[in-house]
C-alpha cells in the first residue's frame, strides 16, 4: 500500500474496516457456522444438538456421496480437460490462421460466437439444451425422425445410460468460450515475428503451436485450469435445471447432494458436512495448483 509522505501508515487501516466487516459477515461467519452444523444433528427447526463425528462417519460410508464425487471427476473432464484442449487448438487456429487469411473482423466474430454460451444465464442455457434433448418433441429427436433415424430417438437426459454423457456435452458447450477468450488474450502479447520466422524456417502449424503458442500462454493455462476445476467441483445450476441428479444418482454432484440434504431431507447437519468436505477439497486443489504453477514459473526463470 502506498503512503503519503509524513502520514503514518496505521491511519489507512480505517479504510479496510468496511471490507473486513463484509468479509466476516459474508464469508467467515457463515463458513464457521457451516462447519459447526456439520458436527450437529440440526434439522432446521429445533436448536442444533451436538453429534460429534456422527455426520462425518456417515459421510465416509455413504455410497451416494462417493458417487457424487465420481461424477465430479467427469465434470472436471467436461469443464476443464476438454475445453482447455479444444480451446488451445481453436485459439491458435483463429490467431495464427484465420486472422491472417480472413482478417481481424472474422477472427473477432468467431471468438464472439464461441463465447456466446458464457454470456447466457445458466438457467437460460440449461432451458435451451433441455428443449433440444427432451424426449417427446425435442429438436434432436425430431431431427432423427425427419432423416429416417427415428429408431435412435432416446430420452437423452432421462435415461441412466446417456444422462451423464449429455450433461457433459452441455457443459462443454457452455464452458468452451472461456478458455478460448483467455488464451487469445494471452496470444496478443506474443510477437507475430516469431510466427513469421518459424514459417520462413519451414515450420508447419502444429510445430508453431508446440514451439511458440503453448509456452507463451502457460500462465493462462494454469489460471483457466484452476478456475474451471473449482467451477466443476461446485457445479450446481445445470444439474438442478436439467436432471436433478437423476435418474437415480447417475448425474448427482456434491453441491446438489448437499442441497437435497439441506432443503429436501431436512438433514441440515449432514448437508453441512457434505458442503464442508467439498470446501476442503476445493482448498486443497487450489493450494496444489498454486504450488505447481509457482514451481513451473521458477523452473522457467532458471
Protein backbone atom coordinates (compact mmCIF):
# COMPACT_ATOMS: atom_id res chain seq x y z
CA UNK A 1 0.00 0.00 0.00
CA UNK A 2 1.37 3.38 -0.97
CA UNK A 3 1.91 6.01 1.74
CA UNK A 4 1.60 9.78 1.65
CA UNK A 5 4.88 11.29 2.89
CA UNK A 6 4.55 12.40 6.51
CA UNK A 7 1.46 10.29 7.27
CA UNK A 8 1.80 7.19 9.45
CA UNK A 9 0.58 4.06 7.67
CA UNK A 10 -1.67 2.98 10.57
CA UNK A 11 -4.24 5.66 9.61
CA UNK A 12 -5.06 3.74 6.43
CA UNK A 13 -6.34 0.74 8.37
CA UNK A 14 -9.63 2.58 8.89
CA UNK A 15 -10.34 2.23 5.16
CA UNK A 16 -10.05 -1.55 5.45
CA UNK A 17 -12.66 -1.86 8.20
CA UNK A 18 -15.76 -1.91 5.89
CA UNK A 19 -14.18 -4.59 3.73
CA UNK A 20 -13.17 -6.60 6.78
CA UNK A 21 -16.71 -6.42 8.17
CA UNK A 22 -18.15 -7.59 4.85
CA UNK A 23 -15.62 -10.43 4.71
CA UNK A 24 -16.60 -11.58 8.18
CA UNK A 25 -20.33 -11.20 7.52
CA UNK A 26 -20.48 -12.87 4.09
CA UNK A 27 -17.72 -15.48 4.20
CA UNK A 28 -16.03 -16.14 7.55
CA UNK A 29 -19.05 -16.33 9.88
CA UNK A 30 -21.24 -18.45 7.50
CA UNK A 31 -18.28 -20.78 6.88
CA UNK A 32 -17.64 -21.22 10.62
CA UNK A 33 -21.37 -21.75 11.22
CA UNK A 34 -21.49 -24.38 8.44
CA UNK A 35 -18.52 -26.22 9.98
CA UNK A 36 -20.23 -26.14 13.39
CA UNK A 37 -23.50 -27.51 11.92
CA UNK A 38 -21.58 -30.41 10.36
CA UNK A 39 -21.00 -31.67 13.91
CA UNK A 40 -24.69 -31.46 14.90
CA UNK A 41 -27.93 -33.21 14.00
CA UNK A 42 -29.67 -29.91 13.20
CA UNK A 43 -32.87 -30.34 11.16
CA UNK A 44 -33.68 -26.67 10.61
CA UNK A 45 -36.36 -26.29 13.29
CA UNK A 46 -35.18 -27.02 16.83
CA UNK A 47 -31.82 -25.77 18.12
CA UNK A 48 -28.84 -27.82 16.88
CA UNK A 49 -27.70 -30.68 19.13
CA UNK A 50 -24.02 -31.65 19.19
CA UNK A 51 -23.49 -35.03 17.47
CA UNK A 52 -19.71 -35.21 17.34
CA UNK A 53 -18.34 -37.04 14.31
CA UNK A 54 -21.60 -38.86 13.51
CA UNK A 55 -22.19 -36.95 10.25
CA UNK A 56 -18.59 -37.40 9.14
CA UNK A 57 -18.67 -41.11 9.95
CA UNK A 58 -21.88 -41.45 7.95
CA UNK A 59 -20.27 -39.49 5.12
CA UNK A 60 -17.40 -41.97 4.79
CA UNK A 61 -19.88 -44.87 4.43
CA UNK A 62 -22.36 -43.08 2.16
CA UNK A 63 -22.18 -44.58 -1.35
CA UNK A 64 -24.18 -41.66 -2.84
CA UNK A 65 -21.57 -39.22 -1.54
CA UNK A 66 -18.78 -41.13 -3.30
CA UNK A 67 -20.87 -41.45 -6.47
CA UNK A 68 -21.29 -37.67 -6.43
CA UNK A 69 -17.52 -37.22 -6.27
CA UNK A 70 -17.01 -39.75 -9.06
CA UNK A 71 -19.42 -37.67 -11.16
CA UNK A 72 -17.36 -34.59 -10.24
CA UNK A 73 -14.38 -36.23 -11.95
CA UNK A 74 -16.48 -36.50 -15.12
CA UNK A 75 -17.47 -32.86 -14.69
CA UNK A 76 -13.78 -31.93 -14.48
CA UNK A 77 -13.17 -33.77 -17.75
CA UNK A 78 -16.12 -31.95 -19.34
CA UNK A 79 -15.44 -28.49 -17.92
CA UNK A 80 -11.63 -28.44 -17.67
CA UNK A 81 -9.77 -31.03 -19.75
CA UNK A 82 -11.80 -31.00 -22.97
CA UNK A 83 -12.46 -27.20 -23.10
CA UNK A 84 -8.75 -26.48 -22.49
CA UNK A 85 -7.60 -28.88 -25.21
CA UNK A 86 -10.16 -27.65 -27.75
CA UNK A 87 -9.69 -24.04 -26.63
CA UNK A 88 -5.92 -24.24 -27.18
CA UNK A 89 -6.30 -25.55 -30.71
CA UNK A 90 -9.11 -23.13 -31.63
CA UNK A 91 -7.31 -20.12 -30.15
CA UNK A 92 -4.16 -20.98 -32.08
CA UNK A 93 -6.07 -21.56 -35.32
CA UNK A 94 -8.01 -18.30 -35.02
CA UNK A 95 -4.92 -16.29 -34.07
CA UNK A 96 -2.39 -17.90 -36.41
CA UNK A 97 -4.53 -18.87 -39.42
CA UNK A 98 -7.98 -17.25 -39.51
CA UNK A 99 -6.77 -13.77 -38.52
CA UNK A 100 -4.05 -13.80 -41.19
CA UNK A 101 -6.18 -15.15 -44.04
CA UNK A 102 -9.61 -13.64 -43.33
CA UNK A 103 -8.82 -10.57 -41.20
CA UNK A 104 -9.34 -9.41 -37.64
CA UNK A 105 -13.12 -8.96 -38.01
CA UNK A 106 -13.66 -12.60 -38.92
CA UNK A 107 -11.46 -13.67 -36.01
CA UNK A 108 -13.40 -11.43 -33.61
CA UNK A 109 -16.72 -12.79 -34.89
CA UNK A 110 -15.61 -16.39 -34.35
CA UNK A 111 -14.38 -15.50 -30.87
CA UNK A 112 -17.74 -13.93 -30.01
CA UNK A 113 -19.65 -16.96 -31.35
CA UNK A 114 -17.68 -19.38 -29.18
CA UNK A 115 -18.05 -17.11 -26.15
CA UNK A 116 -21.81 -16.62 -26.57
CA UNK A 117 -22.89 -19.53 -24.28
CA UNK A 118 -20.87 -17.93 -21.47
CA UNK A 119 -22.97 -14.77 -21.78
CA UNK A 120 -26.23 -16.64 -21.31
CA UNK A 121 -27.58 -17.01 -17.77
CA UNK A 122 -27.04 -20.62 -16.74
CA UNK A 123 -30.81 -21.11 -16.37
CA UNK A 124 -31.43 -19.93 -19.96
CA UNK A 125 -28.60 -22.09 -21.37
CA UNK A 126 -29.96 -25.09 -19.47
CA UNK A 127 -33.51 -24.48 -20.73
CA UNK A 128 -32.28 -24.26 -24.33
CA UNK A 129 -30.34 -27.50 -24.01
CA UNK A 130 -33.25 -29.15 -22.20
CA UNK A 131 -35.51 -28.23 -25.12
CA UNK A 132 -33.09 -29.76 -27.62
CA UNK A 133 -32.70 -33.04 -25.74
CA UNK A 134 -36.17 -33.59 -24.26
CA UNK A 135 -37.74 -36.93 -25.25
CA UNK A 136 -41.23 -36.02 -26.54
CA UNK A 137 -40.68 -33.19 -29.02
CA UNK A 138 -37.05 -32.22 -28.57
CA UNK A 139 -35.08 -30.88 -31.52
CA UNK A 140 -32.62 -33.81 -31.62
CA UNK A 141 -35.32 -36.48 -31.64
CA UNK A 142 -37.30 -34.54 -34.23
CA UNK A 143 -34.20 -34.29 -36.44
CA UNK A 144 -33.53 -38.02 -36.13
CA UNK A 145 -37.12 -38.76 -37.09
CA UNK A 146 -37.04 -36.43 -40.11
CA UNK A 147 -33.90 -38.02 -41.56
CA UNK A 148 -35.23 -41.54 -41.12
CA UNK A 149 -33.35 -42.43 -37.94
CA UNK A 150 -36.39 -42.48 -35.67
CA UNK A 151 -35.33 -45.77 -34.10
CA UNK A 152 -32.44 -43.91 -32.43
CA UNK A 153 -34.76 -41.49 -30.61
CA UNK A 154 -34.00 -41.54 -26.91
CA UNK A 155 -34.64 -39.87 -23.58
CA UNK A 156 -31.15 -38.36 -23.63
CA UNK A 157 -31.20 -36.66 -20.23
CA UNK A 158 -33.66 -39.03 -18.58
CA UNK A 159 -32.04 -42.42 -19.19
CA UNK A 160 -29.21 -43.69 -16.94
CA UNK A 161 -27.05 -44.74 -19.90
CA UNK A 162 -26.95 -41.29 -21.56
CA UNK A 163 -27.82 -38.68 -18.90
CA UNK A 164 -24.25 -38.09 -17.68
CA UNK A 165 -22.79 -38.12 -21.21
CA UNK A 166 -25.23 -35.49 -22.49
CA UNK A 167 -24.83 -33.40 -19.34
CA UNK A 168 -21.09 -33.41 -20.06
CA UNK A 169 -21.72 -32.38 -23.69
CA UNK A 170 -23.84 -29.46 -22.46
CA UNK A 171 -21.13 -28.38 -20.02
CA UNK A 172 -18.50 -28.50 -22.78
CA UNK A 173 -20.73 -26.25 -24.93
CA UNK A 174 -21.20 -23.78 -22.06
CA UNK A 175 -17.57 -23.80 -20.96
CA UNK A 176 -15.64 -23.76 -24.25
CA UNK A 177 -15.70 -20.00 -24.81
CA UNK A 178 -13.99 -19.15 -21.51
CA UNK A 179 -10.57 -20.78 -22.17
CA UNK A 180 -10.72 -19.63 -25.78
CA UNK A 181 -11.04 -15.98 -24.77
CA UNK A 182 -8.34 -16.22 -22.10
CA UNK A 183 -5.90 -17.99 -24.45
CA UNK A 184 -6.50 -15.49 -27.26
CA UNK A 185 -5.88 -12.58 -24.90
CA UNK A 186 -2.62 -14.26 -23.88
CA UNK A 187 -1.60 -14.68 -27.51
CA UNK A 188 -1.93 -10.91 -28.06
CA UNK A 189 1.38 -10.38 -26.27
CA UNK A 190 3.24 -12.88 -28.50
CA UNK A 191 5.42 -11.18 -31.11
CA UNK A 192 3.97 -12.02 -34.59
CA UNK A 193 7.51 -12.02 -35.95
CA UNK A 194 8.09 -15.28 -34.07
CA UNK A 195 5.39 -16.96 -36.16
CA UNK A 196 6.74 -15.39 -39.37
CA UNK A 197 10.28 -16.51 -38.57
CA UNK A 198 9.07 -20.02 -37.79
CA UNK A 199 7.11 -20.12 -41.07
CA UNK A 200 10.17 -19.00 -43.02
CA UNK A 201 12.12 -21.83 -41.38
CA UNK A 202 9.54 -24.27 -42.73
CA UNK A 203 7.63 -24.93 -39.50
CA UNK A 204 4.05 -26.08 -40.05
CA UNK A 205 1.08 -25.04 -37.91
CA UNK A 206 1.47 -27.91 -35.41
CA UNK A 207 5.18 -27.19 -34.92
CA UNK A 208 4.44 -23.47 -34.37
CA UNK A 209 1.73 -24.47 -31.90
CA UNK A 210 4.12 -26.62 -29.85
CA UNK A 211 7.14 -24.29 -30.03
CA UNK A 212 5.51 -20.84 -29.74
CA UNK A 213 1.83 -20.90 -28.77
CA UNK A 214 1.91 -23.42 -25.93
CA UNK A 215 4.92 -21.99 -23.99
CA UNK A 216 3.66 -18.42 -24.48
CA UNK A 217 0.34 -18.92 -22.75
CA UNK A 218 1.42 -21.26 -19.96
CA UNK A 219 0.29 -18.80 -17.20
CA UNK A 220 -3.15 -18.53 -18.81
CA UNK A 221 -3.43 -22.32 -18.95
CA UNK A 222 -2.81 -22.54 -15.20
CA UNK A 223 -5.40 -19.84 -14.46
CA UNK A 224 -8.03 -21.47 -16.66
CA UNK A 225 -7.31 -24.94 -15.24
CA UNK A 226 -7.66 -23.73 -11.64
CA UNK A 227 -10.80 -21.61 -12.11
CA UNK A 228 -12.52 -24.26 -14.26
CA UNK A 229 -11.65 -27.05 -11.80
CA UNK A 230 -13.22 -25.07 -8.95
CA UNK A 231 -16.29 -24.40 -11.13
CA UNK A 232 -16.54 -28.11 -11.98
CA UNK A 233 -16.30 -29.20 -8.35
CA UNK A 234 -19.13 -26.86 -7.27
CA UNK A 235 -21.32 -27.08 -10.38
CA UNK A 236 -24.99 -26.91 -9.42
CA UNK A 237 -27.22 -24.91 -11.81
CA UNK A 238 -27.24 -27.21 -14.88
CA UNK A 239 -27.71 -30.31 -12.70
CA UNK A 240 -30.63 -28.68 -10.89
CA UNK A 241 -32.23 -27.40 -14.10
CA UNK A 242 -31.75 -30.46 -16.32
CA UNK A 243 -31.56 -33.71 -14.35
CA UNK A 244 -31.91 -33.00 -10.63
CA UNK A 245 -29.14 -35.51 -10.05
CA UNK A 246 -31.01 -38.33 -11.76
CA UNK A 247 -32.09 -40.67 -13.00
CA UNK A 248 -31.21 -42.35 -9.71
CA UNK A 249 -27.81 -40.96 -8.82
CA UNK A 250 -26.34 -41.04 -12.33
CA UNK A 251 -25.73 -37.26 -12.51
CA UNK A 252 -25.64 -36.26 -8.85
CA UNK A 253 -22.76 -33.99 -7.78
CA UNK A 254 -21.67 -32.96 -4.26
CA UNK A 255 -23.24 -29.49 -4.32
CA UNK A 256 -26.62 -30.85 -5.45
CA UNK A 257 -26.42 -33.73 -2.94
CA UNK A 258 -25.74 -31.20 -0.20
CA UNK A 259 -28.73 -29.14 -1.40
CA UNK A 260 -31.07 -32.15 -1.24
CA UNK A 261 -29.93 -32.95 2.30
CA UNK A 262 -30.39 -29.31 3.35
CA UNK A 263 -33.76 -28.50 1.82
CA UNK A 264 -35.48 -31.77 0.90
CA UNK A 265 -34.43 -34.28 3.56
CA UNK A 266 -34.02 -31.56 6.23
CA UNK A 267 -30.75 -33.21 7.29
CA UNK A 268 -29.08 -29.84 7.70
CA UNK A 269 -26.17 -31.17 9.77
CA UNK A 270 -25.39 -33.86 7.21
CA UNK A 271 -25.75 -31.40 4.32
CA UNK A 272 -23.31 -29.10 6.12
CA UNK A 273 -20.82 -31.99 6.40
CA UNK A 274 -21.04 -32.57 2.62
CA UNK A 275 -20.58 -28.85 1.92
CA UNK A 276 -17.62 -28.67 4.31
CA UNK A 277 -15.97 -31.71 2.68
CA UNK A 278 -16.41 -30.08 -0.74
CA UNK A 279 -14.90 -26.81 0.54
CA UNK A 280 -11.88 -28.65 1.98
CA UNK A 281 -11.35 -30.40 -1.35
CA UNK A 282 -11.51 -27.09 -3.26
CA UNK A 283 -8.96 -25.52 -0.88
CA UNK A 284 -6.60 -28.49 -1.32
CA UNK A 285 -6.94 -28.33 -5.12
CA UNK A 286 -6.30 -24.56 -5.11
CA UNK A 287 -3.17 -24.90 -2.97
CA UNK A 288 -1.85 -27.75 -5.15
CA UNK A 289 -2.47 -25.79 -8.38
CA UNK A 290 -0.76 -22.70 -6.98
CA UNK A 291 2.25 -24.71 -5.80
CA UNK A 292 2.65 -26.40 -9.18
CA UNK A 293 2.30 -23.06 -11.00
CA UNK A 294 4.96 -21.42 -8.81
CA UNK A 295 7.29 -24.38 -9.34
CA UNK A 296 6.87 -24.22 -13.13
CA UNK A 297 7.39 -20.45 -13.17
CA UNK A 298 10.55 -20.84 -11.08
CA UNK A 299 11.88 -23.50 -13.46
CA UNK A 300 11.13 -21.26 -16.45
CA UNK A 301 13.03 -18.35 -14.86
CA UNK A 302 16.06 -20.59 -14.29
